[in-house]
PDB file of N, CA and C in Angstrom:
ATOM      1  N   MET A   1     127.246 206.578 229.559  1.00  0.00           N
ATOM      2  CA  MET A   1     125.984 207.272 229.380  1.00  0.00           C
ATOM      3  C   MET A   1     125.028 206.817 230.480  1.00  0.00           C
ATOM      4  N   LYS A   2     124.136 207.705 230.842  1.00  0.00           N
ATOM      5  CA  LYS A   2     123.163 207.406 231.880  1.00  0.00           C
ATOM      6  C   LYS A   2     121.766 207.681 231.332  1.00  0.00           C
ATOM      7  N   ALA A   3     120.832 206.817 231.697  1.00  0.00           N
ATOM      8  CA  ALA A   3     119.421 207.052 231.393  1.00  0.00           C
ATOM      9  C   ALA A   3     118.701 207.250 232.720  1.00  0.00           C
ATOM     10  N   ILE A   4     117.933 208.317 232.805  1.00  0.00           N
ATOM     11  CA  ILE A   4     117.135 208.578 234.004  1.00  0.00           C
ATOM     12  C   ILE A   4     115.680 208.387 233.605  1.00  0.00           C
ATOM     13  N   VAL A   5     115.045 207.373 234.209  1.00  0.00           N
ATOM     14  CA  VAL A   5     113.683 206.982 233.859  1.00  0.00           C
ATOM     15  C   VAL A   5     112.745 207.423 234.986  1.00  0.00           C
ATOM     16  N   HIS A   6     111.682 208.124 234.628  1.00  0.00           N
ATOM     17  CA  HIS A   6     110.662 208.561 235.571  1.00  0.00           C
ATOM     18  C   HIS A   6     109.393 207.760 235.280  1.00  0.00           C
ATOM     19  N   VAL A   7     108.887 207.065 236.299  1.00  0.00           N
ATOM     20  CA  VAL A   7     107.699 206.234 236.139  1.00  0.00           C
ATOM     21  C   VAL A   7     106.645 206.726 237.124  1.00  0.00           C
ATOM     22  N   GLY A   8     105.420 206.879 236.649  1.00  0.00           N
ATOM     23  CA  GLY A   8     104.325 207.309 237.527  1.00  0.00           C
ATOM     24  C   GLY A   8     103.011 206.709 237.068  1.00  0.00           C
ATOM     25  N   LEU A   9     102.045 206.735 237.943  1.00  0.00           N
ATOM     26  CA  LEU A   9     100.729 206.203 237.605  1.00  0.00           C
ATOM     27  C   LEU A   9     100.039 207.096 236.579  1.00  0.00           C
ATOM     28  N   LYS A  10      99.299 206.480 235.695  1.00  0.00           N
ATOM     29  CA  LYS A  10      98.532 207.230 234.703  1.00  0.00           C
ATOM     30  C   LYS A  10      97.391 207.963 235.405  1.00  0.00           C
ATOM     31  N   PRO A  11      96.918 209.058 234.821  1.00  0.00           N
ATOM     32  CA  PRO A  11      95.767 209.768 235.397  1.00  0.00           C
ATOM     33  C   PRO A  11      94.574 208.818 235.525  1.00  0.00           C
ATOM     34  N   GLY A  12      93.867 208.921 236.628  1.00  0.00           N
ATOM     35  CA  GLY A  12      92.694 208.086 236.849  1.00  0.00           C
ATOM     36  C   GLY A  12      92.978 206.794 237.595  1.00  0.00           C
ATOM     37  N   VAL A  13      94.244 206.420 237.703  1.00  0.00           N
ATOM     38  CA  VAL A  13      94.598 205.216 238.453  1.00  0.00           C
ATOM     39  C   VAL A  13      94.719 205.593 239.921  1.00  0.00           C
ATOM     40  N   LEU A  14      94.039 204.838 240.785  1.00  0.00           N
ATOM     41  CA  LEU A  14      94.084 205.129 242.214  1.00  0.00           C
ATOM     42  C   LEU A  14      95.508 204.999 242.740  1.00  0.00           C
ATOM     43  N   ASP A  15      95.863 205.899 243.657  1.00  0.00           N
ATOM     44  CA  ASP A  15      97.204 205.931 244.240  1.00  0.00           C
ATOM     45  C   ASP A  15      97.073 205.975 245.763  1.00  0.00           C
ATOM     46  N   PRO A  16      96.907 204.806 246.421  1.00  0.00           N
ATOM     47  CA  PRO A  16      96.739 204.800 247.875  1.00  0.00           C
ATOM     48  C   PRO A  16      97.929 205.392 248.626  1.00  0.00           C
ATOM     49  N   GLN A  17      99.142 205.188 248.133  1.00  0.00           N
ATOM     50  CA  GLN A  17     100.316 205.778 248.787  1.00  0.00           C
ATOM     51  C   GLN A  17     100.265 207.297 248.703  1.00  0.00           C
ATOM     52  N   GLY A  18      99.942 207.800 247.540  1.00  0.00           N
ATOM     53  CA  GLY A  18      99.845 209.243 247.366  1.00  0.00           C
ATOM     54  C   GLY A  18      98.772 209.848 248.250  1.00  0.00           C
ATOM     55  N   ARG A  19      97.643 209.164 248.348  1.00  0.00           N
ATOM     56  CA  ARG A  19      96.565 209.657 249.206  1.00  0.00           C
ATOM     57  C   ARG A  19      96.995 209.674 250.671  1.00  0.00           C
ATOM     58  N   ALA A  20      97.686 208.624 251.107  1.00  0.00           N
ATOM     59  CA  ALA A  20      98.169 208.569 252.489  1.00  0.00           C
ATOM     60  C   ALA A  20      99.145 209.712 252.774  1.00  0.00           C
ATOM     61  N   VAL A  21     100.032 209.989 251.836  1.00  0.00           N
ATOM     62  CA  VAL A  21     100.994 211.085 252.010  1.00  0.00           C
ATOM     63  C   VAL A  21     100.257 212.418 252.088  1.00  0.00           C
ATOM     64  N   ALA A  22      99.318 212.653 251.171  1.00  0.00           N
ATOM     65  CA  ALA A  22      98.575 213.923 251.171  1.00  0.00           C
ATOM     66  C   ALA A  22      97.768 214.084 252.455  1.00  0.00           C
ATOM     67  N   ASP A  23      97.100 213.025 252.888  1.00  0.00           N
ATOM     68  CA  ASP A  23      96.316 213.090 254.128  1.00  0.00           C
ATOM     69  C   ASP A  23      97.199 213.385 255.335  1.00  0.00           C
ATOM     70  N   THR A  24      98.332 212.715 255.414  1.00  0.00           N
ATOM     71  CA  THR A  24      99.245 212.919 256.547  1.00  0.00           C
ATOM     72  C   THR A  24      99.815 214.329 256.543  1.00  0.00           C
ATOM     73  N   LEU A  25     100.198 214.827 255.378  1.00  0.00           N
ATOM     74  CA  LEU A  25     100.705 216.197 255.310  1.00  0.00           C
ATOM     75  C   LEU A  25      99.628 217.193 255.739  1.00  0.00           C
ATOM     76  N   GLY A  26      98.384 216.952 255.357  1.00  0.00           N
ATOM     77  CA  GLY A  26      97.282 217.820 255.793  1.00  0.00           C
ATOM     78  C   GLY A  26      97.136 217.817 257.308  1.00  0.00           C
ATOM     79  N   ARG A  27      97.220 216.632 257.904  1.00  0.00           N
ATOM     80  CA  ARG A  27      97.121 216.540 259.373  1.00  0.00           C
ATOM     81  C   ARG A  27      98.312 217.189 260.071  1.00  0.00           C
ATOM     82  N   MET A  28      99.429 217.289 259.378  1.00  0.00           N
ATOM     83  CA  MET A  28     100.618 217.921 259.944  1.00  0.00           C
ATOM     84  C   MET A  28     100.582 219.438 259.790  1.00  0.00           C
ATOM     85  N   GLY A  29      99.534 219.959 259.176  1.00  0.00           N
ATOM     86  CA  GLY A  29      99.404 221.398 259.044  1.00  0.00           C
ATOM     87  C   GLY A  29      99.735 221.947 257.671  1.00  0.00           C
ATOM     88  N   TYR A  30     100.050 221.095 256.733  1.00  0.00           N
ATOM     89  CA  TYR A  30     100.351 221.543 255.369  1.00  0.00           C
ATOM     90  C   TYR A  30      99.066 221.539 254.548  1.00  0.00           C
ATOM     91  N   ASP A  31      98.203 222.494 254.868  1.00  0.00           N
ATOM     92  CA  ASP A  31      96.873 222.537 254.257  1.00  0.00           C
ATOM     93  C   ASP A  31      96.910 222.820 252.763  1.00  0.00           C
ATOM     94  N   GLU A  32      98.021 223.350 252.279  1.00  0.00           N
ATOM     95  CA  GLU A  32      98.111 223.653 250.851  1.00  0.00           C
ATOM     96  C   GLU A  32      98.211 222.397 249.980  1.00  0.00           C
ATOM     97  N   VAL A  33      98.538 221.251 250.581  1.00  0.00           N
ATOM     98  CA  VAL A  33      98.652 220.007 249.814  1.00  0.00           C
ATOM     99  C   VAL A  33      97.263 219.436 249.595  1.00  0.00           C
ATOM    100  N   GLN A  34      96.832 219.423 248.357  1.00  0.00           N
ATOM    101  CA  GLN A  34      95.509 218.910 248.004  1.00  0.00           C
ATOM    102  C   GLN A  34      95.567 217.492 247.451  1.00  0.00           C
ATOM    103  N   GLY A  35      96.743 217.036 247.096  1.00  0.00           N
ATOM    104  CA  GLY A  35      96.895 215.690 246.570  1.00  0.00           C
ATOM    105  C   GLY A  35      98.362 215.385 246.348  1.00  0.00           C
ATOM    106  N   ALA A  36      98.654 214.114 246.224  1.00  0.00           N
ATOM    107  CA  ALA A  36     100.026 213.680 245.958  1.00  0.00           C
ATOM    108  C   ALA A  36      99.968 212.413 245.116  1.00  0.00           C
ATOM    109  N   ARG A  37     100.945 212.254 244.268  1.00  0.00           N
ATOM    110  CA  ARG A  37     101.088 211.038 243.461  1.00  0.00           C
ATOM    111  C   ARG A  37     102.497 210.512 243.724  1.00  0.00           C
ATOM    112  N   ILE A  38     102.610 209.233 243.902  1.00  0.00           N
ATOM    113  CA  ILE A  38     103.897 208.605 244.174  1.00  0.00           C
ATOM    114  C   ILE A  38     104.399 207.951 242.883  1.00  0.00           C
ATOM    115  N   GLY A  39     105.666 208.145 242.586  1.00  0.00           N
ATOM    116  CA  GLY A  39     106.284 207.543 241.415  1.00  0.00           C
ATOM    117  C   GLY A  39     107.658 207.035 241.779  1.00  0.00           C
ATOM    118  N   LYS A  40     108.423 206.721 240.766  1.00  0.00           N
ATOM    119  CA  LYS A  40     109.783 206.254 241.016  1.00  0.00           C
ATOM    120  C   LYS A  40     110.717 206.811 239.950  1.00  0.00           C
ATOM    121  N   VAL A  41     111.974 206.936 240.333  1.00  0.00           N
ATOM    122  CA  VAL A  41     113.028 207.372 239.425  1.00  0.00           C
ATOM    123  C   VAL A  41     114.068 206.262 239.400  1.00  0.00           C
ATOM    124  N   ILE A  42     114.440 205.842 238.203  1.00  0.00           N
ATOM    125  CA  ILE A  42     115.415 204.772 238.035  1.00  0.00           C
ATOM    126  C   ILE A  42     116.565 205.330 237.212  1.00  0.00           C
ATOM    127  N   GLU A  43     117.774 205.232 237.745  1.00  0.00           N
ATOM    128  CA  GLU A  43     118.963 205.676 237.023  1.00  0.00           C
ATOM    129  C   GLU A  43     119.702 204.455 236.506  1.00  0.00           C
ATOM    130  N   LEU A  44     119.911 204.417 235.217  1.00  0.00           N
ATOM    131  CA  LEU A  44     120.607 203.304 234.576  1.00  0.00           C
ATOM    132  C   LEU A  44     121.948 203.784 234.041  1.00  0.00           C
ATOM    133  N   ASP A  45     123.025 203.130 234.437  1.00  0.00           N
ATOM    134  CA  ASP A  45     124.345 203.402 233.862  1.00  0.00           C
ATOM    135  C   ASP A  45     124.509 202.462 232.674  1.00  0.00           C
ATOM    136  N   LEU A  46     124.730 203.018 231.507  1.00  0.00           N
ATOM    137  CA  LEU A  46     124.784 202.244 230.276  1.00  0.00           C
ATOM    138  C   LEU A  46     126.175 202.270 229.665  1.00  0.00           C
ATOM    139  N   THR A  47     126.661 201.120 229.254  1.00  0.00           N
ATOM    140  CA  THR A  47     127.928 201.034 228.532  1.00  0.00           C
ATOM    141  C   THR A  47     127.776 200.010 227.418  1.00  0.00           C
ATOM    142  N   GLY A  48     128.585 200.157 226.407  1.00  0.00           N
ATOM    143  CA  GLY A  48     128.632 199.165 225.345  1.00  0.00           C
ATOM    144  C   GLY A  48     127.450 199.174 224.393  1.00  0.00           C
ATOM    145  N   VAL A  49     126.683 200.255 224.387  1.00  0.00           N
ATOM    146  CA  VAL A  49     125.543 200.363 223.472  1.00  0.00           C
ATOM    147  C   VAL A  49     125.856 201.471 222.477  1.00  0.00           C
ATOM    148  N   ALA A  50     125.702 201.161 221.203  1.00  0.00           N
ATOM    149  CA  ALA A  50     125.938 202.171 220.174  1.00  0.00           C
ATOM    150  C   ALA A  50     124.989 203.341 220.387  1.00  0.00           C
ATOM    151  N   GLU A  51     125.494 204.539 220.173  1.00  0.00           N
ATOM    152  CA  GLU A  51     124.721 205.750 220.449  1.00  0.00           C
ATOM    153  C   GLU A  51     123.388 205.786 219.690  1.00  0.00           C
ATOM    154  N   ASP A  52     123.371 205.245 218.498  1.00  0.00           N
ATOM    155  CA  ASP A  52     122.141 205.253 217.711  1.00  0.00           C
ATOM    156  C   ASP A  52     121.131 204.199 218.170  1.00  0.00           C
ATOM    157  N   LYS A  53     121.531 203.330 219.091  1.00  0.00           N
ATOM    158  CA  LYS A  53     120.640 202.275 219.592  1.00  0.00           C
ATOM    159  C   LYS A  53     120.154 202.522 221.019  1.00  0.00           C
ATOM    160  N   VAL A  54     120.759 203.489 221.713  1.00  0.00           N
ATOM    161  CA  VAL A  54     120.449 203.714 223.130  1.00  0.00           C
ATOM    162  C   VAL A  54     118.972 204.010 223.340  1.00  0.00           C
ATOM    163  N   ASP A  55     118.411 204.900 222.559  1.00  0.00           N
ATOM    164  CA  ASP A  55     117.013 205.284 222.728  1.00  0.00           C
ATOM    165  C   ASP A  55     116.092 204.063 222.640  1.00  0.00           C
ATOM    166  N   ALA A  56     116.283 203.259 221.632  1.00  0.00           N
ATOM    167  CA  ALA A  56     115.447 202.069 221.445  1.00  0.00           C
ATOM    168  C   ALA A  56     115.637 201.067 222.583  1.00  0.00           C
ATOM    169  N   ARG A  57     116.864 200.921 223.050  1.00  0.00           N
ATOM    170  CA  ARG A  57     117.138 199.966 224.141  1.00  0.00           C
ATOM    171  C   ARG A  57     116.470 200.402 225.443  1.00  0.00           C
ATOM    172  N   VAL A  58     116.568 201.684 225.767  1.00  0.00           N
ATOM    173  CA  VAL A  58     115.958 202.175 227.008  1.00  0.00           C
ATOM    174  C   VAL A  58     114.439 202.051 226.922  1.00  0.00           C
ATOM    175  N   LYS A  59     113.868 202.403 225.788  1.00  0.00           N
ATOM    176  CA  LYS A  59     112.423 202.260 225.614  1.00  0.00           C
ATOM    177  C   LYS A  59     112.003 200.802 225.795  1.00  0.00           C
ATOM    178  N   GLU A  60     112.763 199.890 225.239  1.00  0.00           N
ATOM    179  CA  GLU A  60     112.482 198.464 225.374  1.00  0.00           C
ATOM    180  C   GLU A  60     112.528 198.033 226.841  1.00  0.00           C
ATOM    181  N   MET A  61     113.528 198.511 227.578  1.00  0.00           N
ATOM    182  CA  MET A  61     113.635 198.183 229.006  1.00  0.00           C
ATOM    183  C   MET A  61     112.410 198.683 229.777  1.00  0.00           C
ATOM    184  N   CYS A  62     111.989 199.898 229.451  1.00  0.00           N
ATOM    185  CA  CYS A  62     110.816 200.470 230.121  1.00  0.00           C
ATOM    186  C   CYS A  62     109.569 199.651 229.826  1.00  0.00           C
ATOM    187  N   GLU A  63     109.372 199.314 228.577  1.00  0.00           N
ATOM    188  CA  GLU A  63     108.180 198.582 228.159  1.00  0.00           C
ATOM    189  C   GLU A  63     108.145 197.173 228.732  1.00  0.00           C
ATOM    190  N   LYS A  64     109.309 196.530 228.854  1.00  0.00           N
ATOM    191  CA  LYS A  64     109.357 195.132 229.285  1.00  0.00           C
ATOM    192  C   LYS A  64     109.444 194.940 230.792  1.00  0.00           C
ATOM    193  N   LEU A  65     110.040 195.912 231.509  1.00  0.00           N
ATOM    194  CA  LEU A  65     110.273 195.680 232.934  1.00  0.00           C
ATOM    195  C   LEU A  65     110.025 196.890 233.834  1.00  0.00           C
ATOM    196  N   LEU A  66     110.524 198.038 233.453  1.00  0.00           N
ATOM    197  CA  LEU A  66     110.568 199.158 234.384  1.00  0.00           C
ATOM    198  C   LEU A  66     109.220 199.812 234.647  1.00  0.00           C
ATOM    199  N   ALA A  67     108.297 199.731 233.697  1.00  0.00           N
ATOM    200  CA  ALA A  67     106.975 200.342 233.874  1.00  0.00           C
ATOM    201  C   ALA A  67     105.896 199.332 233.493  1.00  0.00           C
ATOM    202  N   ASN A  68     104.848 199.314 234.275  1.00  0.00           N
ATOM    203  CA  ASN A  68     103.658 198.529 233.928  1.00  0.00           C
ATOM    204  C   ASN A  68     102.803 199.450 233.068  1.00  0.00           C
ATOM    205  N   THR A  69     102.928 199.324 231.769  1.00  0.00           N
ATOM    206  CA  THR A  69     102.320 200.302 230.865  1.00  0.00           C
ATOM    207  C   THR A  69     100.793 200.272 230.845  1.00  0.00           C
ATOM    208  N   VAL A  70     100.194 199.308 231.519  1.00  0.00           N
ATOM    209  CA  VAL A  70      98.736 199.305 231.642  1.00  0.00           C
ATOM    210  C   VAL A  70      98.296 200.427 232.580  1.00  0.00           C
ATOM    211  N   ILE A  71      99.037 200.622 233.670  1.00  0.00           N
ATOM    212  CA  ILE A  71      98.637 201.618 234.675  1.00  0.00           C
ATOM    213  C   ILE A  71      99.670 202.726 234.890  1.00  0.00           C
ATOM    214  N   GLU A  72     100.854 202.583 234.302  1.00  0.00           N
ATOM    215  CA  GLU A  72     101.907 203.575 234.511  1.00  0.00           C
ATOM    216  C   GLU A  72     102.353 204.183 233.183  1.00  0.00           C
ATOM    217  N   SER A  73     102.785 205.421 233.269  1.00  0.00           N
ATOM    218  CA  SER A  73     103.432 206.065 232.134  1.00  0.00           C
ATOM    219  C   SER A  73     104.888 206.297 232.516  1.00  0.00           C
ATOM    220  N   TYR A  74     105.701 206.515 231.519  1.00  0.00           N
ATOM    221  CA  TYR A  74     107.120 206.751 231.796  1.00  0.00           C
ATOM    222  C   TYR A  74     107.672 207.766 230.803  1.00  0.00           C
ATOM    223  N   ARG A  75     108.763 208.362 231.227  1.00  0.00           N
ATOM    224  CA  ARG A  75     109.553 209.217 230.351  1.00  0.00           C
ATOM    225  C   ARG A  75     110.993 209.035 230.787  1.00  0.00           C
ATOM    226  N   TYR A  76     111.898 209.327 229.895  1.00  0.00           N
ATOM    227  CA  TYR A  76     113.313 209.173 230.266  1.00  0.00           C
ATOM    228  C   TYR A  76     114.136 210.235 229.550  1.00  0.00           C
ATOM    229  N   GLU A  77     115.292 210.472 230.138  1.00  0.00           N
ATOM    230  CA  GLU A  77     116.249 211.385 229.538  1.00  0.00           C
ATOM    231  C   GLU A  77     117.607 210.691 229.503  1.00  0.00           C
ATOM    232  N   LEU A  78     118.340 210.953 228.473  1.00  0.00           N
ATOM    233  CA  LEU A  78     119.683 210.396 228.330  1.00  0.00           C
ATOM    234  C   LEU A  78     120.686 211.499 228.666  1.00  0.00           C
ATOM    235  N   VAL A  79     121.653 211.160 229.510  1.00  0.00           N
ATOM    236  CA  VAL A  79     122.644 212.128 229.968  1.00  0.00           C
ATOM    237  C   VAL A  79     124.029 211.599 229.623  1.00  0.00           C
ATOM    238  N   GLY A  80     124.839 212.472 229.077  1.00  0.00           N
ATOM    239  CA  GLY A  80     126.227 212.102 228.783  1.00  0.00           C
ATOM    240  C   GLY A  80     126.316 211.395 227.480  1.00  0.00           C
TER     241      GLY A  80
END
C-alpha cells in the first residue's frame, strides 16, 4: 500500500519561496501568474500494517513529523 501525503502552508502564512517563483515567472512574461504557493508531496510505501490501522498510522506520521501543523496543513490519500 502507498500513502501520498500533500503538505502545504496554511492560508495567511508567508511563503517567500512561492513569492520568488511568482515574481520570477512574471518577469519571464507569464503575466497570468498572480501568486504561487510551494508545498511538498511525500510518497510512503507501507507494508506490515493492518488495513484498519493504516489511516491512523499515516495521520500520526503527519502530525509527528511530516507536517508542522502550526503553519502547515496536510492531506493524504491511500493507494492500493
